[in-house]
Amino acid sequence: MLYSNIQQGYFLNRPNRFIAQVEINGREEVCHVKNTGRCRELLTERAVVYVQRHHDSKRKTNYSLIAVRKGALLINMDSQAPNKAVAEWLAAKQPFGKIKVMKPECRHGGSRFDFYLETERRKIFIEVKGVTLEHDGIAMFPDAPTARGVKHVQELAECVQQGYEAAVIFVLQFQGARLFKPNYATHPEFAAALLRAQAAGVQVLALECTVTPESMGICGSVPLELIE
């Protein structure tokens, strides 16, 4: 996936989860933050960030925060990017077989999943989770407690019980992690729910991305360590 009109800036502060103040070309600008997670380890004072300039008079802000540098890593912070990257990856790589049907935002029972796929022999529900948290080469999810995430993996396990296949895909919005693991310290309930879902037959994948200020695309898989 590609972005246009990208500019470099420096993070100043984040008054609330929806906006950030960023220095761009020597001026302080208000930017929309496309990730409502905490991201405290990323949005540090004077961190180098990349923002997208918009030319739309209907917008409340002229910029959106897209990516941030954390040491040697460039991390995409756009919460919409993982689904777009997975859609491109599914179409290009056909990892579950030749796709006959692909429905984004598909409802099933009382649930809504990011993707529903049909191949010649398979029917698969997929949930996508973006990952921006990294520590010492380990990618982790979530960065804050997520009751919604627990609900999603439980619902995927129910799909397996109903005869479907199911998968949760953790999209690392950066490249270079040694492994992926659930964040036991922050939300042990999610980690436990993920283990139960895997035991019930839900596939768990962690995929890393090549990230530039102007793009993000899935480039490979990362080993899993689901047990603490």
Protein backbone atom coordinates (compact mmCIF):
# COMPACT_ATOMS: atom_id res chain seq x y z
CA MET A 1 0.00 0.00 0.00
CA LEU A 2 1.19 3.48 -0.87
CA TYR A 3 0.86 6.97 0.59
CA SER A 4 1.22 10.30 -1.19
CA ASN A 5 2.31 13.76 0.00
CA ILE A 6 4.54 12.51 2.84
CA GLN A 7 6.59 14.99 4.87
CA GLN A 8 9.04 14.56 7.75
CA GLY A 9 8.44 16.17 11.10
CA TYR A 10 9.23 15.97 14.81
CA PHE A 11 6.73 14.81 17.41
CA LEU A 12 6.04 17.36 20.15
CA ASN A 13 3.11 16.07 22.21
CA ARG A 14 -0.23 14.29 22.08
CA PRO A 15 -3.04 16.23 23.77
CA ASN A 16 -5.41 13.29 23.31
CA ARG A 17 -5.48 9.96 21.51
CA PHE A 18 -6.82 11.46 18.29
CA ILE A 19 -4.37 14.28 17.64
CA ALA A 20 -0.68 15.08 17.96
CA GLN A 21 1.28 18.29 17.68
CA VAL A 22 4.15 17.93 15.24
CA GLU A 23 6.84 20.32 14.07
CA ILE A 24 6.85 20.42 10.27
CA ASN A 25 9.16 22.78 8.39
CA GLY A 26 9.71 24.76 11.56
CA ARG A 27 5.99 25.22 12.28
CA GLU A 28 3.82 23.50 14.87
CA GLU A 29 0.96 21.64 13.18
CA VAL A 30 -1.94 19.56 14.48
CA CYS A 31 -2.02 16.04 13.02
CA HIS A 32 -4.66 13.34 13.12
CA VAL A 33 -3.30 10.20 14.83
CA LYS A 34 -4.50 7.16 12.90
CA ASN A 35 -3.87 4.86 15.86
CA THR A 36 -5.78 5.24 19.13
CA GLY A 37 -3.41 2.90 21.02
CA ARG A 38 -1.11 4.25 23.71
CA CYS A 39 2.10 4.11 21.61
CA ARG A 40 4.00 5.75 24.47
CA GLU A 41 7.24 4.01 23.56
CA LEU A 42 6.98 5.43 20.03
CA LEU A 43 5.72 8.98 20.46
CA THR A 44 8.59 10.39 22.47
CA GLU A 45 9.60 14.04 22.44
CA ARG A 46 11.30 15.07 19.15
CA ALA A 47 10.88 11.60 17.64
CA VAL A 48 11.18 11.71 13.85
CA VAL A 49 7.75 11.15 12.33
CA TYR A 50 6.28 11.06 8.85
CA VAL A 51 2.97 12.72 8.13
CA GLN A 52 0.64 12.79 5.15
CA ARG A 53 -0.45 16.20 3.91
CA HIS A 54 -4.12 16.41 2.91
CA HIS A 55 -5.74 18.95 0.64
CA ASP A 56 -9.33 18.69 1.80
CA SER A 57 -11.13 21.71 3.22
CA LYS A 58 -13.64 19.41 4.97
CA ARG A 59 -10.96 17.87 7.21
CA LYS A 60 -10.37 19.17 10.72
CA THR A 61 -6.60 18.67 10.32
CA ASN A 62 -4.33 19.06 7.33
CA TYR A 63 -2.05 16.17 8.30
CA SER A 64 -2.22 12.53 9.40
CA LEU A 65 0.54 10.79 11.35
CA ILE A 66 1.71 7.76 9.35
CA ALA A 67 5.04 6.48 10.70
CA VAL A 68 7.64 7.06 13.41
CA ARG A 69 11.29 6.21 13.84
CA LYS A 70 12.28 4.22 16.93
CA GLY A 71 16.03 3.72 16.89
CA ALA A 72 16.84 1.73 13.75
CA LEU A 73 13.19 0.81 13.20
CA LEU A 74 10.65 2.64 11.07
CA ILE A 75 7.21 1.78 12.42
CA ASN A 76 3.97 2.43 10.56
CA MET A 77 1.28 3.76 12.93
CA ASP A 78 -1.72 3.77 10.62
CA SER A 79 -4.31 1.42 12.18
CA GLN A 80 -5.98 0.97 8.77
CA ALA A 81 -2.76 -0.15 7.10
CA PRO A 82 -2.69 -3.79 8.36
CA ASN A 83 -6.04 -4.68 6.75
CA LYS A 84 -5.01 -3.05 3.48
CA ALA A 85 -1.67 -4.87 3.53
CA VAL A 86 -3.37 -8.21 4.26
CA ALA A 87 -5.84 -7.68 1.42
CA GLU A 88 -2.94 -7.10 -0.98
CA TRP A 89 -1.04 -10.11 0.42
CA LEU A 90 -4.04 -12.42 0.16
CA ALA A 91 -4.69 -11.38 -3.44
CA ALA A 92 -1.06 -11.63 -4.50
CA LYS A 93 0.15 -14.71 -2.59
CA GLN A 94 -3.08 -16.76 -2.27
CA PRO A 95 -1.68 -18.36 0.95
CA PHE A 96 -4.84 -20.36 1.66
CA GLY A 97 -5.35 -21.48 -1.94
CA LYS A 98 -6.83 -19.85 -5.01
CA ILE A 99 -9.41 -17.34 -3.79
CA LYS A 100 -12.91 -17.56 -5.26
CA VAL A 101 -14.55 -15.17 -2.78
CA MET A 102 -12.98 -12.50 -0.56
CA LYS A 103 -15.28 -10.34 1.56
CA PRO A 104 -13.88 -7.65 3.87
CA GLU A 105 -15.79 -6.70 7.02
CA CYS A 106 -17.92 -9.85 6.82
CA ARG A 107 -20.67 -10.48 9.35
CA HIS A 108 -21.27 -13.96 10.70
CA GLY A 109 -23.84 -14.49 13.41
CA GLY A 110 -23.32 -11.67 15.88
CA SER A 111 -19.73 -11.10 14.81
CA ARG A 112 -17.95 -9.10 12.15
CA PHE A 113 -14.60 -10.33 10.91
CA ASP A 114 -11.98 -8.49 8.87
CA PHE A 115 -12.11 -11.03 6.02
CA TYR A 116 -14.04 -14.04 4.83
CA LEU A 117 -12.42 -16.21 2.15
CA GLU A 118 -13.64 -19.07 0.04
CA THR A 119 -11.33 -21.25 -2.02
CA GLU A 120 -12.17 -24.43 -3.90
CA ARG A 121 -12.35 -26.41 -0.64
CA ARG A 122 -12.01 -23.97 2.22
CA LYS A 123 -14.13 -21.36 4.01
CA ILE A 124 -12.07 -19.14 6.29
CA PHE A 125 -12.74 -16.25 8.64
CA ILE A 126 -9.75 -13.99 9.32
CA GLU A 127 -9.16 -11.35 11.96
CA VAL A 128 -6.24 -8.90 11.58
CA LYS A 129 -4.37 -7.23 14.43
CA GLY A 130 -1.82 -4.49 13.84
CA VAL A 131 1.35 -4.65 15.96
CA THR A 132 3.49 -1.60 16.73
CA LEU A 133 4.94 -2.64 20.10
CA GLU A 134 8.55 -3.89 20.07
CA HIS A 135 11.06 -4.52 22.85
CA ASP A 136 14.54 -6.02 22.38
CA GLY A 137 13.59 -7.53 19.04
CA ILE A 138 10.32 -9.04 20.30
CA ALA A 139 7.02 -7.89 18.80
CA MET A 140 4.07 -7.96 21.18
CA PHE A 141 0.30 -7.45 21.14
CA PRO A 142 -1.60 -5.71 22.66
CA ASP A 143 -0.01 -2.51 23.96
CA ALA A 144 -3.07 -1.95 26.18
CA PRO A 145 -5.83 -4.24 27.53
CA THR A 146 -8.27 -5.17 24.77
CA ALA A 147 -11.59 -6.76 25.64
CA ARG A 148 -12.43 -6.48 21.94
CA GLY A 149 -9.38 -8.57 21.06
CA VAL A 150 -10.38 -11.29 23.53
CA LYS A 151 -13.87 -11.36 22.03
CA HIS A 152 -12.49 -11.67 18.50
CA VAL A 153 -10.29 -14.71 19.18
CA GLN A 154 -13.11 -16.40 21.11
CA GLU A 155 -15.45 -15.83 18.16
CA LEU A 156 -12.88 -17.31 15.76
CA ALA A 157 -12.78 -20.45 17.90
CA GLU A 158 -16.58 -20.63 17.64
CA CYS A 159 -16.30 -20.47 13.85
CA VAL A 160 -14.02 -23.52 13.93
CA GLN A 161 -16.60 -25.35 16.03
CA GLN A 162 -19.16 -24.54 13.33
CA GLY A 163 -17.05 -26.19 10.62
CA TYR A 164 -15.20 -23.18 9.21
CA GLU A 165 -11.50 -22.49 9.28
CA ALA A 166 -10.30 -19.42 11.13
CA ALA A 167 -7.10 -17.42 11.47
CA VAL A 168 -5.82 -14.44 13.39
CA ILE A 169 -3.06 -12.56 11.59
CA PHE A 170 -0.77 -10.29 13.58
CA VAL A 171 0.68 -7.73 11.19
CA LEU A 172 3.97 -6.31 12.47
CA GLN A 173 4.03 -2.77 11.13
CA PHE A 174 7.81 -2.87 10.96
CA GLN A 175 10.58 -5.28 9.94
CA GLY A 176 13.27 -7.01 11.94
CA ALA A 177 11.60 -8.67 14.95
CA ARG A 178 13.09 -11.96 16.14
CA LEU A 179 9.71 -13.33 17.21
CA PHE A 180 6.15 -12.44 18.14
CA LYS A 181 4.50 -13.12 21.48
CA PRO A 182 1.32 -12.02 23.24
CA ASN A 183 1.86 -9.30 25.82
CA TYR A 184 1.31 -11.28 29.01
CA ALA A 185 2.36 -8.40 31.26
CA THR A 186 -0.20 -5.98 29.82
CA HIS A 187 -3.15 -8.30 29.18
CA PRO A 188 -2.78 -11.92 30.35
CA GLU A 189 -6.47 -12.56 29.53
CA PHE A 190 -5.81 -11.92 25.85
CA ALA A 191 -2.77 -14.21 25.87
CA ALA A 192 -4.80 -16.98 27.49
CA ALA A 193 -7.67 -16.51 25.02
CA LEU A 194 -5.23 -16.70 22.11
CA LEU A 195 -3.77 -19.97 23.40
CA ARG A 196 -7.24 -21.44 23.83
CA ALA A 197 -8.20 -20.37 20.32
CA GLN A 198 -5.09 -21.96 18.85
CA ALA A 199 -5.83 -25.18 20.74
CA ALA A 200 -9.36 -25.08 19.27
CA GLY A 201 -7.93 -24.96 15.74
CA VAL A 202 -7.55 -21.25 15.01
CA GLN A 203 -4.43 -20.58 12.94
CA VAL A 204 -2.12 -17.91 14.38
CA LEU A 205 0.22 -16.06 12.01
CA ALA A 206 2.68 -13.22 12.56
CA LEU A 207 3.72 -11.37 9.41
CA GLU A 208 6.28 -8.59 9.21
CA CYS A 209 6.27 -5.68 6.79
CA THR A 210 8.68 -3.68 4.74
CA VAL A 211 8.00 -0.08 5.77
CA THR A 212 9.04 3.18 4.16
CA PRO A 213 7.62 6.65 4.82
CA GLU A 214 5.50 6.19 1.68
CA SER A 215 4.54 2.50 1.86
CA MET A 216 3.93 -0.68 3.82
CA GLY A 217 3.74 -4.23 2.51
CA ILE A 218 3.93 -7.74 3.99
CA CYS A 219 7.30 -9.34 3.29
CA GLY A 220 7.51 -12.50 5.40
CA SER A 221 6.61 -14.39 8.57
CA VAL A 222 7.98 -14.18 12.10
CA PRO A 223 8.29 -17.08 14.59
CA LEU A 224 5.67 -17.35 17.33
CA GLU A 225 6.17 -17.78 21.06
CA LEU A 226 2.66 -18.00 22.47
CA ILE A 227 3.49 -19.61 25.83
CA GLU A 228 5.03 -17.31 28.45
